C-alpha atoms as a PDB file:
ATOM      1  CA  UNK A   1       6.850  -6.197   7.027  1.00  0.00           C
ATOM      2  CA  UNK A   2       4.205  -4.402   5.022  1.00  0.00           C
ATOM      3  CA  UNK A   3       0.822  -3.975   6.575  1.00  0.00           C
ATOM      4  CA  UNK A   4      -2.546  -2.965   5.305  1.00  0.00           C
ATOM      5  CA  UNK A   5      -4.702  -0.388   6.953  1.00  0.00           C
ATOM      6  CA  UNK A   6      -4.974  -0.535  10.699  1.00  0.00           C
ATOM      7  CA  UNK A   7      -2.364  -0.947  13.380  1.00  0.00           C
ATOM      8  CA  UNK A   8      -0.727  -4.260  14.055  1.00  0.00           C
ATOM      9  CA  UNK A   9      -1.541  -5.780  10.665  1.00  0.00           C
ATOM     10  CA  UNK A  10       1.276  -6.774   8.381  1.00  0.00           C
ATOM     11  CA  UNK A  11       3.148  -9.353   6.413  1.00  0.00           C
ATOM     12  CA  UNK A  12       6.733  -9.776   5.271  1.00  0.00           C
ATOM     13  CA  UNK A  13       6.791  -8.842   1.603  1.00  0.00           C
ATOM     14  CA  UNK A  14      10.172  -7.474   0.590  1.00  0.00           C
ATOM     15  CA  UNK A  15      10.915  -7.947  -3.138  1.00  0.00           C
ATOM     16  CA  UNK A  16       7.239  -8.436  -4.013  1.00  0.00           C
ATOM     17  CA  UNK A  17       4.596  -5.927  -5.012  1.00  0.00           C
ATOM     18  CA  UNK A  18       2.123  -4.763  -2.371  1.00  0.00           C
ATOM     19  CA  UNK A  19      -1.141  -3.299  -3.677  1.00  0.00           C
ATOM     20  CA  UNK A  20      -2.584  -0.458  -1.589  1.00  0.00           C
ATOM     21  CA  UNK A  21      -5.499   1.931  -2.062  1.00  0.00           C
ATOM     22  CA  UNK A  22      -4.974   5.631  -2.755  1.00  0.00           C
ATOM     23  CA  UNK A  23      -5.719   7.590   0.426  1.00  0.00           C
ATOM     24  CA  UNK A  24      -5.632   4.480   2.653  1.00  0.00           C
ATOM     25  CA  UNK A  25      -2.774   4.344   5.227  1.00  0.00           C
ATOM     26  CA  UNK A  26      -0.427   1.346   5.078  1.00  0.00           C
ATOM     27  CA  UNK A  27       2.477   0.353   7.319  1.00  0.00           C
ATOM     28  CA  UNK A  28       5.946  -1.046   6.798  1.00  0.00           C
ATOM     29  CA  UNK A  29       7.441  -2.658   9.922  1.00  0.00           C
ATOM     30  CA  UNK A  30      11.190  -3.229  10.135  1.00  0.00           C
ATOM     31  CA  UNK A  31      13.335  -4.777  12.867  1.00  0.00           C
ATOM     32  CA  UNK A  32      15.738  -2.226  14.372  1.00  0.00           C
ATOM     33  CA  UNK A  33      18.279  -2.323  17.216  1.00  0.00           C
ATOM     34  CA  UNK A  34      17.901   1.108  18.844  1.00  0.00           C
ATOM     35  CA  UNK A  35      19.982   0.177  21.909  1.00  0.00           C
ATOM     36  CA  UNK A  36      22.990  -0.245  19.603  1.00  0.00           C
ATOM     37  CA  UNK A  37      22.092   2.851  17.581  1.00  0.00           C
ATOM     38  CA  UNK A  38      20.752   1.006  14.517  1.00  0.00           C
ATOM     39  CA  UNK A  39      17.559   2.603  13.219  1.00  0.00           C
ATOM     40  CA  UNK A  40      15.886   2.547   9.814  1.00  0.00           C
ATOM     41  CA  UNK A  41      15.728   5.669   7.665  1.00  0.00           C
ATOM     42  CA  UNK A  42      13.503   6.197   4.651  1.00  0.00           C
ATOM     43  CA  UNK A  43      16.286   6.861   2.125  1.00  0.00           C
ATOM     44  CA  UNK A  44      14.182   7.104  -1.039  1.00  0.00           C
ATOM     45  CA  UNK A  45      10.537   8.128  -1.085  1.00  0.00           C
ATOM     46  CA  UNK A  46       8.538   9.218  -4.132  1.00  0.00           C
ATOM     47  CA  UNK A  47       6.528  12.412  -3.662  1.00  0.00           C
ATOM     48  CA  UNK A  48       3.300  10.505  -4.346  1.00  0.00           C
ATOM     49  CA  UNK A  49       3.767   8.516  -1.113  1.00  0.00           C
ATOM     50  CA  UNK A  50       3.433  10.636   2.026  1.00  0.00           C
ATOM     51  CA  UNK A  51       5.107   9.578   5.280  1.00  0.00           C
ATOM     52  CA  UNK A  52       2.400  10.006   7.932  1.00  0.00           C
ATOM     53  CA  UNK A  53       4.274   8.713  10.967  1.00  0.00           C
ATOM     54  CA  UNK A  54       7.354   6.870  12.140  1.00  0.00           C
ATOM     55  CA  UNK A  55       7.444   5.153  15.531  1.00  0.00           C
ATOM     56  CA  UNK A  56       8.897   2.287  17.527  1.00  0.00           C
ATOM     57  CA  UNK A  57       5.928   0.036  18.286  1.00  0.00           C
ATOM     58  CA  UNK A  58       7.497  -3.002  19.953  1.00  0.00           C
ATOM     59  CA  UNK A  59      10.428  -2.453  22.276  1.00  0.00           C
ATOM     60  CA  UNK A  60      12.560  -5.338  23.480  1.00  0.00           C
ATOM     61  CA  UNK A  61      13.093  -5.535  27.231  1.00  0.00           C
ATOM     62  CA  UNK A  62      16.527  -7.107  26.682  1.00  0.00           C
ATOM     63  CA  UNK A  63      19.649  -4.947  26.648  1.00  0.00           C
ATOM     64  CA  UNK A  64      20.675  -4.550  23.008  1.00  0.00           C
ATOM     65  CA  UNK A  65      17.538  -6.391  21.865  1.00  0.00           C
ATOM     66  CA  UNK A  66      15.663  -5.651  18.676  1.00  0.00           C
ATOM     67  CA  UNK A  67      12.542  -3.530  18.346  1.00  0.00           C
ATOM     68  CA  UNK A  68       9.969  -2.978  15.613  1.00  0.00           C
ATOM     69  CA  UNK A  69      10.097   0.347  13.823  1.00  0.00           C
ATOM     70  CA  UNK A  70       6.886   1.238  11.933  1.00  0.00           C
ATOM     71  CA  UNK A  71       6.619   3.626   8.998  1.00  0.00           C
ATOM     72  CA  UNK A  72       3.026   4.587   8.088  1.00  0.00           C
ATOM     73  CA  UNK A  73       2.480   6.044   4.638  1.00  0.00           C
ATOM     74  CA  UNK A  74      -0.405   7.136   2.403  1.00  0.00           C
ATOM     75  CA  UNK A  75      -0.445   7.001  -1.402  1.00  0.00           C
ATOM     76  CA  UNK A  76      -1.715  10.247  -2.937  1.00  0.00           C
ATOM     77  CA  UNK A  77      -1.825   9.103  -6.598  1.00  0.00           C
ATOM     78  CA  UNK A  78      -2.191   5.797  -8.460  1.00  0.00           C
ATOM     79  CA  UNK A  79       0.998   4.257  -9.837  1.00  0.00           C
ATOM     80  CA  UNK A  80       3.965   1.986  -9.106  1.00  0.00           C
ATOM     81  CA  UNK A  81       6.581   3.132  -6.610  1.00  0.00           C
ATOM     82  CA  UNK A  82       9.658   1.926  -4.726  1.00  0.00           C
ATOM     83  CA  UNK A  83      10.514   2.714  -1.123  1.00  0.00           C
ATOM     84  CA  UNK A  84      14.147   2.342  -0.048  1.00  0.00           C
ATOM     85  CA  UNK A  85      15.028   1.963   3.629  1.00  0.00           C
ATOM     86  CA  UNK A  86      18.528   1.972   5.137  1.00  0.00           C
ATOM     87  CA  UNK A  87      19.539   0.530   8.512  1.00  0.00           C
ATOM     88  CA  UNK A  88      22.357   2.582  10.006  1.00  0.00           C
ATOM     89  CA  UNK A  89      23.585   4.598  12.918  1.00  0.00           C
ATOM     90  CA  UNK A  90      22.977   8.342  12.573  1.00  0.00           C
ATOM     91  CA  UNK A  91      26.670   9.110  12.958  1.00  0.00           C
ATOM     92  CA  UNK A  92      27.760   6.622  10.286  1.00  0.00           C
ATOM     93  CA  UNK A  93      27.629   7.360   6.569  1.00  0.00           C
ATOM     94  CA  UNK A  94      27.077   3.878   5.131  1.00  0.00           C
ATOM     95  CA  UNK A  95      24.098   1.637   5.947  1.00  0.00           C
ATOM     96  CA  UNK A  96      24.633  -1.912   7.192  1.00  0.00           C
ATOM     97  CA  UNK A  97      21.477  -3.053   5.386  1.00  0.00           C
ATOM     98  CA  UNK A  98      19.175  -1.760   2.641  1.00  0.00           C
ATOM     99  CA  UNK A  99      15.611  -2.930   1.937  1.00  0.00           C
ATOM    100  CA  UNK A 100      13.455  -2.061  -1.050  1.00  0.00           C
ATOM    101  CA  UNK A 101       9.672  -2.381  -1.125  1.00  0.00           C
ATOM    102  CA  UNK A 102       7.553  -2.094  -4.292  1.00  0.00           C
ATOM    103  CA  UNK A 103       4.184  -0.415  -3.899  1.00  0.00           C
ATOM    104  CA  UNK A 104       1.355  -0.485  -6.457  1.00  0.00           C
ATOM    105  CA  UNK A 105      -1.501   1.922  -5.820  1.00  0.00           C
ATOM    106  CA  UNK A 106      -4.998   1.608  -7.211  1.00  0.00           C
END
């Protein structure tokens, strides 16, 4: 889920281009399963996009349930960029899922 500025805003937009403003924070929310060890990692990040924070914002009360992991970034320069996220356990080499988001800054 890619969100605009502000917490709690977002929309599911994988494989489409999201336009964001330079200097304005934006969020990408992904469903993780921390109880089973599955967390998202930012595997590929252009230098023009700065990772401001990474947090779990919605935690399931069920054992082994999913949670929402939020990555907040800021674009430092105009351009077109791709962000690559991998869902995996820290102790495993290969991800079980990969997601790519296209970002256009203005």
